[in-house]
Structures are given as structure tokens and as C-alpha cells.
Amino acid sequence: LFVTSKIFNDSHRPEQVRASAEKTIADLGVGYLDMMLIHWPDAFKPGMDNDFYGPVCEINAHDTTRDAKDVVKEAAESQEDGKQSGCVTFDEEVTMEDTWQAMEKLVDD
């Protein structure tokens, strides 16, 4: 049996990688993972109540077709309760390389 899992989008920060891996190992009831992948190259800002299927909260600076009010309105309309949290906030404070290096450290430890 070759066990593979992934670091999810809101756990890309290096200080979160070990906890994410350990939780996965515990949830699966195994002693280790053979391979751990980065689920998606875009990190989501942790603690932002991200709706992983919603629109992007922050506007790309090069997107001239919409403004921030439109994105928030779309997000609110996509939620049954009308809350404006139904979107994703990208984490620009971490790179894929940061996440990868933290994952490599797990192998070394």
C-alpha cells in the first residue's frame, strides 16, 4: 500500500505544514505517508473562512472588468445567508517554495 495525501490550500505556511501532515496521518490511522503533495499552487490565507468554491475576494490588479464591490456582491449573492464571506482570499505571504521546503524538512526529521 502506497499512501499519498496533500497539504490543503489553507495550510501552506511553513509553520502549518507539520500539523497538517500529522493530522492526516492520524485521520488515516497510518504511521507515515509515502508521498505528500501540495494540493494546489495557490495558498489560501488561513483563518479567513474561505469558501473554496467561491469567487476570489481580492481583485487582480490587472483585472479592469470588475471592481472589489462587484466581487463582494457576487460572494454575498452566492451565500444563502447573505454573508459576505463566500469567497477565497489568496495568501501572498507564502510561496510554493516555502511550503515545499517545510515539507522536505519533514523527511529530514
C-alpha atoms as a PDB file:
ATOM      1  CA  LEU A   1       0.000   0.000   0.000  1.00  0.00           C
ATOM      2  CA  PHE A   2       1.423   3.388  -1.061  1.00  0.00           C
ATOM      3  CA  VAL A   3      -0.203   6.175   0.971  1.00  0.00           C
ATOM      4  CA  THR A   4      -0.458   9.621  -0.639  1.00  0.00           C
ATOM      5  CA  SER A   5      -2.039  12.766   0.726  1.00  0.00           C
ATOM      6  CA  LYS A   6      -1.820  16.524   0.273  1.00  0.00           C
ATOM      7  CA  ILE A   7      -1.273  19.803   2.047  1.00  0.00           C
ATOM      8  CA  PHE A   8      -4.505  21.702   1.549  1.00  0.00           C
ATOM      9  CA  ASN A   9      -4.634  25.297   0.322  1.00  0.00           C
ATOM     10  CA  ASP A  10      -5.071  26.929   3.736  1.00  0.00           C
ATOM     11  CA  SER A  11      -2.101  25.077   5.290  1.00  0.00           C
ATOM     12  CA  HIS A  12       0.740  26.222   3.033  1.00  0.00           C
ATOM     13  CA  ARG A  13       2.554  28.348   5.608  1.00  0.00           C
ATOM     14  CA  PRO A  14       5.672  26.531   6.849  1.00  0.00           C
ATOM     15  CA  GLU A  15       4.529  26.623  10.475  1.00  0.00           C
ATOM     16  CA  GLN A  16       1.311  24.775   9.472  1.00  0.00           C
ATOM     17  CA  VAL A  17       2.811  22.024   7.315  1.00  0.00           C
ATOM     18  CA  ARG A  18       3.833  19.624  10.112  1.00  0.00           C
ATOM     19  CA  ALA A  19       0.461  19.911  11.881  1.00  0.00           C
ATOM     20  CA  SER A  20      -1.358  19.279   8.609  1.00  0.00           C
ATOM     21  CA  ALA A  21       0.743  16.191   7.864  1.00  0.00           C
ATOM     22  CA  GLU A  22       0.372  14.833  11.402  1.00  0.00           C
ATOM     23  CA  LYS A  23      -3.402  15.336  11.314  1.00  0.00           C
ATOM     24  CA  THR A  24      -3.612  13.476   8.010  1.00  0.00           C
ATOM     25  CA  ILE A  25      -1.545  10.584   9.390  1.00  0.00           C
ATOM     26  CA  ALA A  26      -3.785  10.401  12.469  1.00  0.00           C
ATOM     27  CA  ASP A  27      -7.001  10.686  10.430  1.00  0.00           C
ATOM     28  CA  LEU A  28      -5.890   7.853   8.146  1.00  0.00           C
ATOM     29  CA  GLY A  29      -4.692   5.701  11.050  1.00  0.00           C
ATOM     30  CA  VAL A  30      -1.304   5.068   9.466  1.00  0.00           C
ATOM     31  CA  GLY A  31       2.203   5.579  10.820  1.00  0.00           C
ATOM     32  CA  TYR A  32       3.563   7.598   7.917  1.00  0.00           C
ATOM     33  CA  LEU A  33       2.891   8.870   4.411  1.00  0.00           C
ATOM     34  CA  ASP A  34       4.807   7.704   1.379  1.00  0.00           C
ATOM     35  CA  MET A  35       4.104  10.914  -0.513  1.00  0.00           C
ATOM     36  CA  MET A  36       2.645  14.305   0.351  1.00  0.00           C
ATOM     37  CA  LEU A  37       1.616  16.696  -2.394  1.00  0.00           C
ATOM     38  CA  ILE A  38       0.852  20.392  -2.496  1.00  0.00           C
ATOM     39  CA  HIS A  39      -2.859  20.295  -3.338  1.00  0.00           C
ATOM     40  CA  TRP A  40      -2.885  23.478  -5.422  1.00  0.00           C
ATOM     41  CA  PRO A  41      -0.196  26.066  -6.195  1.00  0.00           C
ATOM     42  CA  ASP A  42      -2.264  28.943  -4.775  1.00  0.00           C
ATOM     43  CA  ALA A  43      -2.245  29.241  -0.998  1.00  0.00           C
ATOM     44  CA  PHE A  44      -5.386  30.460   0.754  1.00  0.00           C
ATOM     45  CA  LYS A  45      -4.985  32.819   3.680  1.00  0.00           C
ATOM     46  CA  PRO A  46      -5.651  30.784   6.826  1.00  0.00           C
ATOM     47  CA  GLY A  47      -8.375  31.849   9.237  1.00  0.00           C
ATOM     48  CA  MET A  48     -10.346  33.751   6.596  1.00  0.00           C
ATOM     49  CA  ASP A  49     -13.379  31.432   6.450  1.00  0.00           C
ATOM     50  CA  ASN A  50     -12.550  30.743   2.800  1.00  0.00           C
ATOM     51  CA  ASP A  51     -15.314  29.331   0.642  1.00  0.00           C
ATOM     52  CA  PHE A  52     -13.229  27.024  -1.523  1.00  0.00           C
ATOM     53  CA  TYR A  53     -15.830  27.119  -4.291  1.00  0.00           C
ATOM     54  CA  GLY A  54     -16.476  30.863  -4.178  1.00  0.00           C
ATOM     55  CA  PRO A  55     -15.053  33.717  -6.228  1.00  0.00           C
ATOM     56  CA  VAL A  56     -11.754  35.408  -5.412  1.00  0.00           C
ATOM     57  CA  CYS A  57     -12.121  38.061  -2.675  1.00  0.00           C
ATOM     58  CA  GLU A  58      -9.258  40.216  -3.811  1.00  0.00           C
ATOM     59  CA  ILE A  59      -9.178  41.689  -7.294  1.00  0.00           C
ATOM     60  CA  ASN A  60      -6.215  41.045  -9.529  1.00  0.00           C
ATOM     61  CA  ALA A  61      -4.609  44.431 -10.188  1.00  0.00           C
ATOM     62  CA  HIS A  62      -4.717  43.694 -13.915  1.00  0.00           C
ATOM     63  CA  ASP A  63      -8.444  42.882 -13.958  1.00  0.00           C
ATOM     64  CA  THR A  64     -10.137  46.022 -15.224  1.00  0.00           C
ATOM     65  CA  THR A  65     -13.511  44.359 -15.835  1.00  0.00           C
ATOM     66  CA  ARG A  66     -14.693  44.331 -12.214  1.00  0.00           C
ATOM     67  CA  ASP A  67     -14.076  46.210  -9.013  1.00  0.00           C
ATOM     68  CA  ALA A  68     -13.959  44.983  -5.405  1.00  0.00           C
ATOM     69  CA  LYS A  69     -17.610  45.892  -4.772  1.00  0.00           C
ATOM     70  CA  ASP A  70     -18.691  43.540  -7.568  1.00  0.00           C
ATOM     71  CA  VAL A  71     -16.677  40.663  -6.104  1.00  0.00           C
ATOM     72  CA  VAL A  72     -18.109  41.170  -2.609  1.00  0.00           C
ATOM     73  CA  LYS A  73     -21.628  41.431  -4.042  1.00  0.00           C
ATOM     74  CA  GLU A  74     -21.151  38.200  -6.030  1.00  0.00           C
ATOM     75  CA  ALA A  75     -19.818  36.481  -2.933  1.00  0.00           C
ATOM     76  CA  ALA A  76     -22.789  37.625  -0.835  1.00  0.00           C
ATOM     77  CA  GLU A  77     -25.242  36.516  -3.507  1.00  0.00           C
ATOM     78  CA  SER A  78     -23.608  33.086  -3.604  1.00  0.00           C
ATOM     79  CA  GLN A  79     -24.340  32.574   0.117  1.00  0.00           C
ATOM     80  CA  GLU A  80     -27.810  31.577   1.251  1.00  0.00           C
ATOM     81  CA  ASP A  81     -27.485  33.614   4.451  1.00  0.00           C
ATOM     82  CA  GLY A  82     -26.227  36.718   2.614  1.00  0.00           C
ATOM     83  CA  LYS A  83     -22.910  36.867   4.456  1.00  0.00           C
ATOM     84  CA  GLN A  84     -20.065  38.410   2.514  1.00  0.00           C
ATOM     85  CA  SER A  85     -17.584  35.690   3.423  1.00  0.00           C
ATOM     86  CA  GLY A  86     -18.285  33.372   0.492  1.00  0.00           C
ATOM     87  CA  CYS A  87     -15.026  33.936  -1.323  1.00  0.00           C
ATOM     88  CA  VAL A  88     -11.359  32.970  -1.289  1.00  0.00           C
ATOM     89  CA  THR A  89      -8.502  35.164  -0.095  1.00  0.00           C
ATOM     90  CA  PHE A  90      -5.113  34.205  -1.531  1.00  0.00           C
ATOM     91  CA  ASP A  91      -2.159  34.165   0.855  1.00  0.00           C
ATOM     92  CA  GLU A  92       0.538  36.283  -0.738  1.00  0.00           C
ATOM     93  CA  GLU A  93       2.818  35.896   2.290  1.00  0.00           C
ATOM     94  CA  VAL A  94       3.876  32.349   1.395  1.00  0.00           C
ATOM     95  CA  THR A  95       5.347  30.829  -1.760  1.00  0.00           C
ATOM     96  CA  MET A  96       5.192  27.291  -3.055  1.00  0.00           C
ATOM     97  CA  GLU A  97       8.922  27.077  -2.358  1.00  0.00           C
ATOM     98  CA  ASP A  98       8.310  27.958   1.322  1.00  0.00           C
ATOM     99  CA  THR A  99       5.762  25.143   1.560  1.00  0.00           C
ATOM    100  CA  TRP A 100       7.985  22.682  -0.288  1.00  0.00           C
ATOM    101  CA  GLN A 101      10.965  23.437   1.986  1.00  0.00           C
ATOM    102  CA  ALA A 102       8.810  22.828   5.074  1.00  0.00           C
ATOM    103  CA  MET A 103       7.642  19.540   3.560  1.00  0.00           C
ATOM    104  CA  GLU A 104      11.247  18.498   2.840  1.00  0.00           C
ATOM    105  CA  LYS A 105      12.100  19.212   6.474  1.00  0.00           C
ATOM    106  CA  LEU A 106       9.519  16.587   7.478  1.00  0.00           C
ATOM    107  CA  VAL A 107      11.535  13.988   5.559  1.00  0.00           C
ATOM    108  CA  ASP A 108      14.737  15.058   7.296  1.00  0.00           C
ATOM    109  CA  ASP A 109      13.173  14.963  10.795  1.00  0.00           C
END
